[in-house]
Amino acid sequence: MNWFQQKKNAVLIAAEQIHYKLPTPLYKLVEWYSPDLWFRYLTVREALQQLLANRSNRYRIFTHQEILKRKKSDTLFICGSSGHLDEIDEAMWDKIDEHDTLALNYFIYHKFVPTYFALNYGRNRSVNTYLEALIKNRNKDYENTIFLIGSRKRRRGVHPRIMPQFFADNPKVTFFLHPKSVRVPVFRPFSREDFNKSMFYRGSLNLYLYIARLFEYRKIVLVGCEMDSGVPFYENYPEAQWMDKIEGYQPSYEERLRHRYVGSYDSQGKHNLISTILAINEFVFEPEGIQLYVFNKKSLLYPKIPLYRL
């Protein structure tokens, strides 16, 4: 990378950070309607070409009010990818299915079909090739699943008419405003005041706890989110072995076996996800009467977060 490109990137990164410091109305305006100046999944040219080529693609947007009206109950199960998912039998999944479910990322390898689905995207074309195949393989299964698209992802190009390969055919989608981040350095504990304006601090699980609250669920159950191991339920699935073929995509099996889930450690000057969720529960959920549960005693959040019983 030459000097000019480095300077250009530095300017774009700095410019992209400005709107996070703006008053909320201006932040919303930029976050909803402007492209990401720095981190895009496609070039501007590629995005426009895709939009033109797929301009007639059909998709159904669910508004916030429609989401609230179609809820099965006031309980939401958030599904991660821990190896403990294999301990849940078919009868238990049938009971879980009586409520709404929100699945994250590679939970899509599981045969259970969720109410909502959220996938992390990136700029690694090799990874995206496998993600496309994964979505295509579950196309029919996920035809009634609602794909969650935050404004941050939409600004980067995630849209059924720009990146249709990452959605089911004629997809159902709902858009939400990505919240501002809570700023708490790792050297001091969280406080109630930290969450006065936002409850998002780090990571996908934190973000979708925010979504559970936004969708007005009163009970939130964490399934497959134990974080006690870095080994997921799909570790030995033949269709998931591509992850080891892409250099640097994930730690070795031995390393993942030896360590907990990566988010359970402090990193980049931030508190770990365990401390974060406990703080959110104490300072946001409990005062609002929202009940947070774990589904397995092996969760690193247990016993501070109680066990849910169906």
C-alpha atoms as a PDB file:
ATOM      1  CA  MET A   1       0.000   0.000   0.000  1.00  0.00           C
ATOM      2  CA  ASN A   2       1.529   3.349  -1.067  1.00  0.00           C
ATOM      3  CA  TRP A   3       1.692   6.546   0.968  1.00  0.00           C
ATOM      4  CA  PHE A   4      -1.281   8.141  -0.800  1.00  0.00           C
ATOM      5  CA  GLN A   5      -3.500   5.122  -0.215  1.00  0.00           C
ATOM      6  CA  GLN A   6      -2.541   5.012   3.456  1.00  0.00           C
ATOM      7  CA  LYS A   7      -3.425   8.688   3.877  1.00  0.00           C
ATOM      8  CA  LYS A   8      -6.689   8.228   2.016  1.00  0.00           C
ATOM      9  CA  ASN A   9      -7.645   5.284   4.220  1.00  0.00           C
ATOM     10  CA  ALA A  10      -6.788   7.222   7.365  1.00  0.00           C
ATOM     11  CA  VAL A  11      -9.008  10.122   6.253  1.00  0.00           C
ATOM     12  CA  LEU A  12     -11.910   7.778   5.400  1.00  0.00           C
ATOM     13  CA  ILE A  13     -11.652   5.964   8.741  1.00  0.00           C
ATOM     14  CA  ALA A  14     -11.591   9.267  10.643  1.00  0.00           C
ATOM     15  CA  ALA A  15     -14.540  10.611   8.657  1.00  0.00           C
ATOM     16  CA  GLU A  16     -16.500   7.416   9.269  1.00  0.00           C
ATOM     17  CA  GLN A  17     -16.042   7.789  13.033  1.00  0.00           C
ATOM     18  CA  ILE A  18     -17.470  11.316  13.164  1.00  0.00           C
ATOM     19  CA  HIS A  19     -21.155  10.413  13.026  1.00  0.00           C
ATOM     20  CA  TYR A  20     -20.882   8.261  16.168  1.00  0.00           C
ATOM     21  CA  LYS A  21     -20.220  11.468  18.083  1.00  0.00           C
ATOM     22  CA  LEU A  22     -23.137  13.387  16.578  1.00  0.00           C
ATOM     23  CA  PRO A  23     -26.395  14.096  18.453  1.00  0.00           C
ATOM     24  CA  THR A  24     -28.853  11.225  18.102  1.00  0.00           C
ATOM     25  CA  PRO A  25     -31.067  12.768  15.356  1.00  0.00           C
ATOM     26  CA  LEU A  26     -28.036  13.430  13.128  1.00  0.00           C
ATOM     27  CA  TYR A  27     -26.546  10.047  13.965  1.00  0.00           C
ATOM     28  CA  LYS A  28     -29.777   8.364  12.839  1.00  0.00           C
ATOM     29  CA  LEU A  29     -29.816  10.359   9.603  1.00  0.00           C
ATOM     30  CA  VAL A  30     -26.269   9.360   8.682  1.00  0.00           C
ATOM     31  CA  GLU A  31     -26.649   5.776   9.902  1.00  0.00           C
ATOM     32  CA  TRP A  32     -29.835   5.176   7.903  1.00  0.00           C
ATOM     33  CA  TYR A  33     -29.080   6.990   4.656  1.00  0.00           C
ATOM     34  CA  SER A  34     -25.343   7.284   3.962  1.00  0.00           C
ATOM     35  CA  PRO A  35     -22.961   4.602   2.661  1.00  0.00           C
ATOM     36  CA  ASP A  36     -20.089   3.482   4.846  1.00  0.00           C
ATOM     37  CA  LEU A  37     -17.117   5.617   3.818  1.00  0.00           C
ATOM     38  CA  TRP A  38     -14.507   3.064   4.807  1.00  0.00           C
ATOM     39  CA  PHE A  39     -15.731  -0.506   5.280  1.00  0.00           C
ATOM     40  CA  ARG A  40     -17.782  -1.764   2.328  1.00  0.00           C
ATOM     41  CA  TYR A  41     -18.334  -5.356   1.266  1.00  0.00           C
ATOM     42  CA  LEU A  42     -18.457  -4.257  -2.375  1.00  0.00           C
ATOM     43  CA  THR A  43     -16.967  -1.374  -4.286  1.00  0.00           C
ATOM     44  CA  VAL A  44     -19.376   1.419  -5.261  1.00  0.00           C
ATOM     45  CA  ARG A  45     -19.258   0.190  -8.830  1.00  0.00           C
ATOM     46  CA  GLU A  46     -20.005  -3.410  -7.828  1.00  0.00           C
ATOM     47  CA  ALA A  47     -22.893  -2.314  -5.602  1.00  0.00           C
ATOM     48  CA  LEU A  48     -24.467  -0.245  -8.383  1.00  0.00           C
ATOM     49  CA  GLN A  49     -24.054  -3.073 -10.874  1.00  0.00           C
ATOM     50  CA  GLN A  50     -25.699  -5.504  -8.490  1.00  0.00           C
ATOM     51  CA  LEU A  51     -28.521  -3.104  -7.731  1.00  0.00           C
ATOM     52  CA  LEU A  52     -29.201  -2.643 -11.431  1.00  0.00           C
ATOM     53  CA  ALA A  53     -29.018  -6.369 -12.190  1.00  0.00           C
ATOM     54  CA  ASN A  54     -31.298  -7.318  -9.281  1.00  0.00           C
ATOM     55  CA  ARG A  55     -33.665  -4.322  -9.353  1.00  0.00           C
ATOM     56  CA  SER A  56     -36.697  -6.552  -9.932  1.00  0.00           C
ATOM     57  CA  ASN A  57     -35.900  -8.962  -7.075  1.00  0.00           C
ATOM     58  CA  ARG A  58     -38.810  -9.253  -4.684  1.00  0.00           C
ATOM     59  CA  TYR A  59     -38.448  -9.047  -0.943  1.00  0.00           C
ATOM     60  CA  ARG A  60     -40.831  -8.353   1.943  1.00  0.00           C
ATOM     61  CA  ILE A  61     -39.972  -5.789   4.616  1.00  0.00           C
ATOM     62  CA  PHE A  62     -41.464  -6.324   8.065  1.00  0.00           C
ATOM     63  CA  THR A  63     -41.913  -3.100  10.003  1.00  0.00           C
ATOM     64  CA  HIS A  64     -41.314  -2.866  13.729  1.00  0.00           C
ATOM     65  CA  GLN A  65     -45.054  -2.900  14.387  1.00  0.00           C
ATOM     66  CA  GLU A  66     -45.536  -5.975  12.222  1.00  0.00           C
ATOM     67  CA  ILE A  67     -42.789  -7.747  14.135  1.00  0.00           C
ATOM     68  CA  LEU A  68     -44.539  -6.975  17.413  1.00  0.00           C
ATOM     69  CA  LYS A  69     -47.888  -8.241  16.134  1.00  0.00           C
ATOM     70  CA  ARG A  70     -46.616 -11.570  14.818  1.00  0.00           C
ATOM     71  CA  LYS A  71     -44.716 -12.670  17.948  1.00  0.00           C
ATOM     72  CA  LYS A  72     -45.668 -16.124  19.234  1.00  0.00           C
ATOM     73  CA  SER A  73     -45.134 -15.159  22.872  1.00  0.00           C
ATOM     74  CA  ASP A  74     -43.169 -12.798  25.093  1.00  0.00           C
ATOM     75  CA  THR A  75     -40.231 -15.237  25.126  1.00  0.00           C
ATOM     76  CA  LEU A  76     -37.302 -15.236  22.694  1.00  0.00           C
ATOM     77  CA  PHE A  77     -34.628 -17.926  22.453  1.00  0.00           C
ATOM     78  CA  ILE A  78     -31.302 -16.629  21.106  1.00  0.00           C
ATOM     79  CA  CYS A  79     -29.404 -19.511  19.517  1.00  0.00           C
ATOM     80  CA  GLY A  80     -25.621 -19.605  19.246  1.00  0.00           C
ATOM     81  CA  SER A  81     -23.375 -22.409  18.045  1.00  0.00           C
ATOM     82  CA  SER A  82     -21.827 -24.087  21.085  1.00  0.00           C
ATOM     83  CA  GLY A  83     -21.281 -27.828  21.157  1.00  0.00           C
ATOM     84  CA  HIS A  84     -23.968 -28.135  23.834  1.00  0.00           C
ATOM     85  CA  LEU A  85     -26.658 -27.772  21.174  1.00  0.00           C
ATOM     86  CA  ASP A  86     -26.198 -31.478  20.500  1.00  0.00           C
ATOM     87  CA  GLU A  87     -27.468 -32.187  24.015  1.00  0.00           C
ATOM     88  CA  ILE A  88     -30.929 -30.839  23.154  1.00  0.00           C
ATOM     89  CA  ASP A  89     -33.295 -33.540  21.921  1.00  0.00           C
ATOM     90  CA  GLU A  90     -36.043 -33.287  19.306  1.00  0.00           C
ATOM     91  CA  ALA A  91     -38.845 -33.030  21.873  1.00  0.00           C
ATOM     92  CA  MET A  92     -37.124 -30.072  23.520  1.00  0.00           C
ATOM     93  CA  TRP A  93     -36.682 -28.309  20.168  1.00  0.00           C
ATOM     94  CA  ASP A  94     -40.415 -28.780  19.577  1.00  0.00           C
ATOM     95  CA  LYS A  95     -41.107 -26.973  22.863  1.00  0.00           C
ATOM     96  CA  ILE A  96     -38.652 -24.204  21.972  1.00  0.00           C
ATOM     97  CA  ASP A  97     -40.449 -23.834  18.640  1.00  0.00           C
ATOM     98  CA  GLU A  98     -43.598 -22.777  20.509  1.00  0.00           C
ATOM     99  CA  HIS A  99     -41.780 -19.471  21.002  1.00  0.00           C
ATOM    100  CA  ASP A 100     -39.753 -17.209  18.707  1.00  0.00           C
ATOM    101  CA  THR A 101     -36.092 -17.931  18.049  1.00  0.00           C
ATOM    102  CA  LEU A 102     -33.216 -15.773  16.840  1.00  0.00           C
ATOM    103  CA  ALA A 103     -30.271 -17.671  15.354  1.00  0.00           C
ATOM    104  CA  LEU A 104     -26.774 -16.299  14.880  1.00  0.00           C
ATOM    105  CA  ASN A 105     -24.332 -17.091  12.092  1.00  0.00           C
ATOM    106  CA  TYR A 106     -23.386 -20.765  11.808  1.00  0.00           C
ATOM    107  CA  PHE A 107     -26.404 -21.967  13.725  1.00  0.00           C
ATOM    108  CA  ILE A 108     -27.679 -22.268  10.146  1.00  0.00           C
ATOM    109  CA  TYR A 109     -25.891 -25.651  10.067  1.00  0.00           C
ATOM    110  CA  HIS A 110     -28.445 -26.866  12.624  1.00  0.00           C
ATOM    111  CA  LYS A 111     -31.609 -28.448  11.246  1.00  0.00           C
ATOM    112  CA  PHE A 112     -33.850 -26.304  13.463  1.00  0.00           C
ATOM    113  CA  VAL A 113     -35.317 -23.354  11.532  1.00  0.00           C
ATOM    114  CA  PRO A 114     -35.467 -20.060  13.471  1.00  0.00           C
ATOM    115  CA  THR A 115     -37.921 -17.177  13.408  1.00  0.00           C
ATOM    116  CA  TYR A 116     -35.123 -14.660  12.813  1.00  0.00           C
ATOM    117  CA  PHE A 117     -31.637 -15.085  11.386  1.00  0.00           C
ATOM    118  CA  ALA A 118     -28.569 -12.853  11.553  1.00  0.00           C
ATOM    119  CA  LEU A 119     -25.391 -13.591   9.605  1.00  0.00           C
ATOM    120  CA  ASN A 120     -22.039 -11.860   9.948  1.00  0.00           C
ATOM    121  CA  TYR A 121     -20.593 -10.754   6.623  1.00  0.00           C
ATOM    122  CA  GLY A 122     -17.085  -9.746   5.642  1.00  0.00           C
ATOM    123  CA  ARG A 123     -14.800  -8.833   2.755  1.00  0.00           C
ATOM    124  CA  ASN A 124     -13.085 -12.201   2.456  1.00  0.00           C
ATOM    125  CA  ARG A 125     -14.314 -13.459  -0.909  1.00  0.00           C
ATOM    126  CA  SER A 126     -13.216 -17.020  -0.123  1.00  0.00           C
ATOM    127  CA  VAL A 127     -15.347 -17.116   3.024  1.00  0.00           C
ATOM    128  CA  ASN A 128     -18.278 -15.508   1.238  1.00  0.00           C
ATOM    129  CA  THR A 129     -18.239 -18.204  -1.425  1.00  0.00           C
ATOM    130  CA  TYR A 130     -18.956 -20.787   1.270  1.00  0.00           C
ATOM    131  CA  LEU A 131     -21.555 -18.571   2.933  1.00  0.00           C
ATOM    132  CA  GLU A 132     -23.394 -18.268  -0.365  1.00  0.00           C
ATOM    133  CA  ALA A 133     -23.476 -22.048  -0.728  1.00  0.00           C
ATOM    134  CA  LEU A 134     -24.663 -22.388   2.859  1.00  0.00           C
ATOM    135  CA  ILE A 135     -27.572 -20.011   2.326  1.00  0.00           C
ATOM    136  CA  LYS A 136     -28.448 -21.699  -0.954  1.00  0.00           C
ATOM    137  CA  ASN A 137     -28.545 -25.114   0.722  1.00  0.00           C
ATOM    138  CA  ARG A 138     -31.044 -23.839   3.302  1.00  0.00           C
ATOM    139  CA  ASN A 139     -33.033 -21.718   0.860  1.00  0.00           C
ATOM    140  CA  LYS A 140     -36.293 -23.634   1.142  1.00  0.00           C
ATOM    141  CA  ASP A 141     -35.978 -24.139   4.910  1.00  0.00           C
ATOM    142  CA  TYR A 142     -35.464 -20.417   5.526  1.00  0.00           C
ATOM    143  CA  GLU A 143     -38.201 -19.121   3.219  1.00  0.00           C
ATOM    144  CA  ASN A 144     -40.293 -17.929   6.190  1.00  0.00           C
ATOM    145  CA  THR A 145     -37.394 -16.820   8.364  1.00  0.00           C
ATOM    146  CA  ILE A 146     -36.943 -13.078   8.792  1.00  0.00           C
ATOM    147  CA  PHE A 147     -33.405 -11.900   7.992  1.00  0.00           C
ATOM    148  CA  LEU A 148     -32.208  -9.173  10.354  1.00  0.00           C
ATOM    149  CA  ILE A 149     -30.283  -6.300   8.748  1.00  0.00           C
ATOM    150  CA  GLY A 150     -28.763  -3.593  10.911  1.00  0.00           C
ATOM    151  CA  SER A 151     -28.148  -0.152   9.461  1.00  0.00           C
ATOM    152  CA  ARG A 152     -24.377  -0.677   9.756  1.00  0.00           C
ATOM    153  CA  LYS A 153     -24.575  -3.718   7.486  1.00  0.00           C
ATOM    154  CA  ARG A 154     -26.961  -1.993   5.089  1.00  0.00           C
ATOM    155  CA  ARG A 155     -24.539   0.922   4.768  1.00  0.00           C
ATOM    156  CA  ARG A 156     -21.905  -1.621   3.729  1.00  0.00           C
ATOM    157  CA  GLY A 157     -24.064  -3.159   1.021  1.00  0.00           C
ATOM    158  CA  VAL A 158     -26.136  -5.867   2.711  1.00  0.00           C
ATOM    159  CA  HIS A 159     -29.466  -5.688   0.905  1.00  0.00           C
ATOM    160  CA  PRO A 160     -31.586  -8.244  -1.011  1.00  0.00           C
ATOM    161  CA  ARG A 161     -31.010  -6.333  -4.256  1.00  0.00           C
ATOM    162  CA  ILE A 162     -27.274  -5.776  -3.763  1.00  0.00           C
ATOM    163  CA  MET A 163     -26.175  -9.021  -2.111  1.00  0.00           C
ATOM    164  CA  PRO A 164     -29.098 -11.377  -2.873  1.00  0.00           C
ATOM    165  CA  GLN A 165     -26.863 -14.442  -2.566  1.00  0.00           C
ATOM    166  CA  PHE A 166     -26.916 -14.033   1.221  1.00  0.00           C
ATOM    167  CA  PHE A 167     -30.707 -14.264   1.478  1.00  0.00           C
ATOM    168  CA  ALA A 168     -33.352 -16.873   0.771  1.00  0.00           C
ATOM    169  CA  ASP A 169     -35.366 -16.375  -2.428  1.00  0.00           C
ATOM    170  CA  ASN A 170     -38.001 -13.626  -2.087  1.00  0.00           C
ATOM    171  CA  PRO A 171     -36.714 -13.026   1.415  1.00  0.00           C
ATOM    172  CA  LYS A 172     -38.445 -11.603   4.430  1.00  0.00           C
ATOM    173  CA  VAL A 173     -36.322  -8.903   6.066  1.00  0.00           C
ATOM    174  CA  THR A 174     -36.479  -6.312   8.775  1.00  0.00           C
ATOM    175  CA  PHE A 175     -34.126  -3.343   9.152  1.00  0.00           C
ATOM    176  CA  PHE A 176     -33.026  -1.870  12.457  1.00  0.00           C
ATOM    177  CA  LEU A 177     -30.888   1.065  13.493  1.00  0.00           C
ATOM    178  CA  HIS A 178     -27.496  -0.066  14.760  1.00  0.00           C
ATOM    179  CA  PRO A 179     -27.098   1.498  18.218  1.00  0.00           C
ATOM    180  CA  LYS A 180     -24.212   3.676  19.293  1.00  0.00           C
ATOM    181  CA  SER A 181     -21.553   1.923  21.352  1.00  0.00           C
ATOM    182  CA  VAL A 182     -21.140   2.195  25.110  1.00  0.00           C
ATOM    183  CA  ARG A 183     -17.604   3.373  25.915  1.00  0.00           C
ATOM    184  CA  VAL A 184     -16.139   1.663  28.982  1.00  0.00           C
ATOM    185  CA  PRO A 185     -12.396   0.916  29.249  1.00  0.00           C
ATOM    186  CA  VAL A 186     -11.420  -2.440  30.675  1.00  0.00           C
ATOM    187  CA  PHE A 187      -9.653  -0.873  33.667  1.00  0.00           C
ATOM    188  CA  ARG A 188     -12.925   0.242  35.284  1.00  0.00           C
ATOM    189  CA  PRO A 189     -16.195  -1.636  35.963  1.00  0.00           C
ATOM    190  CA  PHE A 190     -19.512  -0.914  34.268  1.00  0.00           C
ATOM    191  CA  SER A 191     -21.947   1.436  35.992  1.00  0.00           C
ATOM    192  CA  ARG A 192     -25.635   2.187  35.564  1.00  0.00           C
ATOM    193  CA  GLU A 193     -24.827   5.512  33.921  1.00  0.00           C
ATOM    194  CA  ASP A 194     -22.902   3.760  31.138  1.00  0.00           C
ATOM    195  CA  PHE A 195     -26.178   2.397  29.773  1.00  0.00           C
ATOM    196  CA  ASN A 196     -28.203   5.593  29.860  1.00  0.00           C
ATOM    197  CA  LYS A 197     -28.131   6.004  26.073  1.00  0.00           C
ATOM    198  CA  SER A 198     -27.289   2.564  24.720  1.00  0.00           C
ATOM    199  CA  MET A 199     -26.833  -1.065  25.755  1.00  0.00           C
ATOM    200  CA  PHE A 200     -24.492  -2.090  22.948  1.00  0.00           C
ATOM    201  CA  TYR A 201     -20.865  -2.585  23.922  1.00  0.00           C
ATOM    202  CA  ARG A 202     -19.363  -5.439  21.896  1.00  0.00           C
ATOM    203  CA  GLY A 203     -20.172  -8.526  19.839  1.00  0.00           C
ATOM    204  CA  SER A 204     -23.080 -10.119  18.018  1.00  0.00           C
ATOM    205  CA  LEU A 205     -24.699 -11.609  21.123  1.00  0.00           C
ATOM    206  CA  ASN A 206     -24.767  -8.181  22.764  1.00  0.00           C
ATOM    207  CA  LEU A 207     -26.275  -6.676  19.613  1.00  0.00           C
ATOM    208  CA  TYR A 208     -29.073  -9.224  19.456  1.00  0.00           C
ATOM    209  CA  LEU A 209     -29.854  -8.860  23.134  1.00  0.00           C
ATOM    210  CA  TYR A 210     -30.512  -5.265  22.119  1.00  0.00           C
ATOM    211  CA  ILE A 211     -32.804  -6.559  19.347  1.00  0.00           C
ATOM    212  CA  ALA A 212     -34.680  -8.783  21.810  1.00  0.00           C
ATOM    213  CA  ARG A 213     -35.360  -5.711  23.924  1.00  0.00           C
ATOM    214  CA  LEU A 214     -36.245  -3.642  20.833  1.00  0.00           C
ATOM    215  CA  PHE A 215     -38.811  -6.301  19.840  1.00  0.00           C
ATOM    216  CA  GLU A 216     -40.225  -6.096  23.390  1.00  0.00           C
ATOM    217  CA  TYR A 217     -39.612  -9.656  24.525  1.00  0.00           C
ATOM    218  CA  ARG A 218     -39.903 -10.001  28.288  1.00  0.00           C
ATOM    219  CA  LYS A 219     -38.045 -13.297  28.658  1.00  0.00           C
ATOM    220  CA  ILE A 220     -34.790 -13.961  26.820  1.00  0.00           C
ATOM    221  CA  VAL A 221     -33.181 -17.404  26.856  1.00  0.00           C
ATOM    222  CA  LEU A 222     -29.604 -18.023  25.695  1.00  0.00           C
ATOM    223  CA  VAL A 223     -29.301 -21.399  23.948  1.00  0.00           C
ATOM    224  CA  GLY A 224     -25.953 -22.636  22.659  1.00  0.00           C
ATOM    225  CA  CYS A 225     -24.314 -19.503  24.068  1.00  0.00           C
ATOM    226  CA  GLU A 226     -22.440 -21.157  26.946  1.00  0.00           C
ATOM    227  CA  MET A 227     -19.024 -19.775  25.892  1.00  0.00           C
ATOM    228  CA  ASP A 228     -17.209 -22.454  27.925  1.00  0.00           C
ATOM    229  CA  SER A 229     -15.518 -23.853  24.797  1.00  0.00           C
ATOM    230  CA  GLY A 230     -14.309 -22.681  21.411  1.00  0.00           C
ATOM    231  CA  VAL A 231     -15.521 -25.894  19.751  1.00  0.00           C
ATOM    232  CA  PRO A 232     -18.921 -25.513  18.007  1.00  0.00           C
ATOM    233  CA  PHE A 233     -21.585 -28.158  17.387  1.00  0.00           C
ATOM    234  CA  TYR A 234     -20.717 -28.321  13.669  1.00  0.00           C
ATOM    235  CA  GLU A 235     -17.013 -29.026  14.294  1.00  0.00           C
ATOM    236  CA  ASN A 236     -17.068 -32.397  12.508  1.00  0.00           C
ATOM    237  CA  TYR A 237     -19.716 -31.635   9.898  1.00  0.00           C
ATOM    238  CA  PRO A 238     -18.247 -32.409   6.442  1.00  0.00           C
ATOM    239  CA  GLU A 239     -19.820 -29.262   4.994  1.00  0.00           C
ATOM    240  CA  ALA A 240     -18.059 -27.084   7.600  1.00  0.00           C
ATOM    241  CA  GLN A 241     -14.502 -28.293   6.983  1.00  0.00           C
ATOM    242  CA  TRP A 242     -13.849 -25.385   4.626  1.00  0.00           C
ATOM    243  CA  MET A 243     -13.101 -23.213   7.678  1.00  0.00           C
ATOM    244  CA  ASP A 244      -9.799 -25.008   8.216  1.00  0.00           C
ATOM    245  CA  LYS A 245      -8.830 -24.528   4.576  1.00  0.00           C
ATOM    246  CA  ILE A 246      -8.834 -20.719   4.789  1.00  0.00           C
ATOM    247  CA  GLU A 247      -5.653 -19.539   6.445  1.00  0.00           C
ATOM    248  CA  GLY A 248      -6.230 -17.435   9.541  1.00  0.00           C
ATOM    249  CA  TYR A 249     -10.008 -17.820   9.520  1.00  0.00           C
ATOM    250  CA  GLN A 250     -10.112 -19.662  12.831  1.00  0.00           C
ATOM    251  CA  PRO A 251      -7.653 -21.028  15.421  1.00  0.00           C
ATOM    252  CA  SER A 252      -6.612 -24.672  15.185  1.00  0.00           C
ATOM    253  CA  TYR A 253      -8.848 -27.342  16.682  1.00  0.00           C
ATOM    254  CA  GLU A 254      -6.345 -27.931  19.487  1.00  0.00           C
ATOM    255  CA  GLU A 255      -6.370 -24.243  20.337  1.00  0.00           C
ATOM    256  CA  ARG A 256     -10.165 -24.048  20.316  1.00  0.00           C
ATOM    257  CA  LEU A 257     -10.357 -27.161  22.467  1.00  0.00           C
ATOM    258  CA  ARG A 258      -7.940 -25.632  24.960  1.00  0.00           C
ATOM    259  CA  HIS A 259      -9.613 -22.239  25.225  1.00  0.00           C
ATOM    260  CA  ARG A 260     -13.070 -20.877  25.856  1.00  0.00           C
ATOM    261  CA  TYR A 261     -15.066 -18.934  23.275  1.00  0.00           C
ATOM    262  CA  VAL A 262     -12.977 -15.971  22.162  1.00  0.00           C
ATOM    263  CA  GLY A 263     -15.527 -13.397  23.357  1.00  0.00           C
ATOM    264  CA  SER A 264     -15.212 -14.636  26.945  1.00  0.00           C
ATOM    265  CA  TYR A 265     -11.814 -12.914  27.248  1.00  0.00           C
ATOM    266  CA  ASP A 266     -11.061  -9.207  27.637  1.00  0.00           C
ATOM    267  CA  SER A 267      -9.622  -7.813  24.415  1.00  0.00           C
ATOM    268  CA  GLN A 268      -8.818  -4.561  22.620  1.00  0.00           C
ATOM    269  CA  GLY A 269      -9.168  -2.613  25.851  1.00  0.00           C
ATOM    270  CA  LYS A 270     -12.727  -3.849  26.385  1.00  0.00           C
ATOM    271  CA  HIS A 271     -14.426  -6.032  28.976  1.00  0.00           C
ATOM    272  CA  ASN A 272     -15.288  -9.585  27.956  1.00  0.00           C
ATOM    273  CA  LEU A 273     -18.757 -10.660  26.907  1.00  0.00           C
ATOM    274  CA  ILE A 274     -19.482 -12.349  30.255  1.00  0.00           C
ATOM    275  CA  SER A 275     -18.951  -9.131  32.220  1.00  0.00           C
ATOM    276  CA  THR A 276     -20.842  -7.204  29.551  1.00  0.00           C
ATOM    277  CA  ILE A 277     -23.961  -9.379  29.656  1.00  0.00           C
ATOM    278  CA  LEU A 278     -23.997  -9.455  33.461  1.00  0.00           C
ATOM    279  CA  ALA A 279     -23.817  -5.650  33.488  1.00  0.00           C
ATOM    280  CA  ILE A 280     -26.620  -5.368  30.909  1.00  0.00           C
ATOM    281  CA  ASN A 281     -28.749  -7.689  32.995  1.00  0.00           C
ATOM    282  CA  GLU A 282     -28.097  -5.725  36.175  1.00  0.00           C
ATOM    283  CA  PHE A 283     -28.381  -2.201  34.811  1.00  0.00           C
ATOM    284  CA  VAL A 284     -30.851  -2.569  31.916  1.00  0.00           C
ATOM    285  CA  PHE A 285     -32.910  -5.762  31.999  1.00  0.00           C
ATOM    286  CA  GLU A 286     -33.651  -6.125  35.712  1.00  0.00           C
ATOM    287  CA  PRO A 287     -34.786  -2.492  36.195  1.00  0.00           C
ATOM    288  CA  GLU A 288     -37.118  -2.923  33.184  1.00  0.00           C
ATOM    289  CA  GLY A 289     -38.491  -6.278  34.340  1.00  0.00           C
ATOM    290  CA  ILE A 290     -36.889  -8.222  31.467  1.00  0.00           C
ATOM    291  CA  GLN A 291     -35.850 -11.717  32.546  1.00  0.00           C
ATOM    292  CA  LEU A 292     -32.642 -13.200  31.150  1.00  0.00           C
ATOM    293  CA  TYR A 293     -31.960 -16.951  31.353  1.00  0.00           C
ATOM    294  CA  VAL A 294     -29.413 -19.534  30.287  1.00  0.00           C
ATOM    295  CA  PHE A 295     -30.463 -22.936  28.937  1.00  0.00           C
ATOM    296  CA  ASN A 296     -27.527 -24.927  30.289  1.00  0.00           C
ATOM    297  CA  LYS A 297     -25.732 -24.891  33.643  1.00  0.00           C
ATOM    298  CA  LYS A 298     -22.424 -25.081  31.793  1.00  0.00           C
ATOM    299  CA  SER A 299     -22.896 -21.484  30.699  1.00  0.00           C
ATOM    300  CA  LEU A 300     -20.236 -19.133  32.025  1.00  0.00           C
ATOM    301  CA  LEU A 301     -23.107 -16.819  32.975  1.00  0.00           C
ATOM    302  CA  TYR A 302     -24.599 -19.393  35.380  1.00  0.00           C
ATOM    303  CA  PRO A 303     -25.558 -19.156  38.250  1.00  0.00           C
ATOM    304  CA  LYS A 304     -25.644 -15.342  38.159  1.00  0.00           C
ATOM    305  CA  ILE A 305     -28.051 -15.731  35.249  1.00  0.00           C
ATOM    306  CA  PRO A 306     -30.661 -18.345  36.223  1.00  0.00           C
ATOM    307  CA  LEU A 307     -31.490 -21.562  34.407  1.00  0.00           C
ATOM    308  CA  TYR A 308     -34.600 -21.592  32.204  1.00  0.00           C
ATOM    309  CA  ARG A 309     -36.935 -24.557  32.470  1.00  0.00           C
ATOM    310  CA  LEU A 310     -39.515 -25.357  29.800  1.00  0.00           C
END
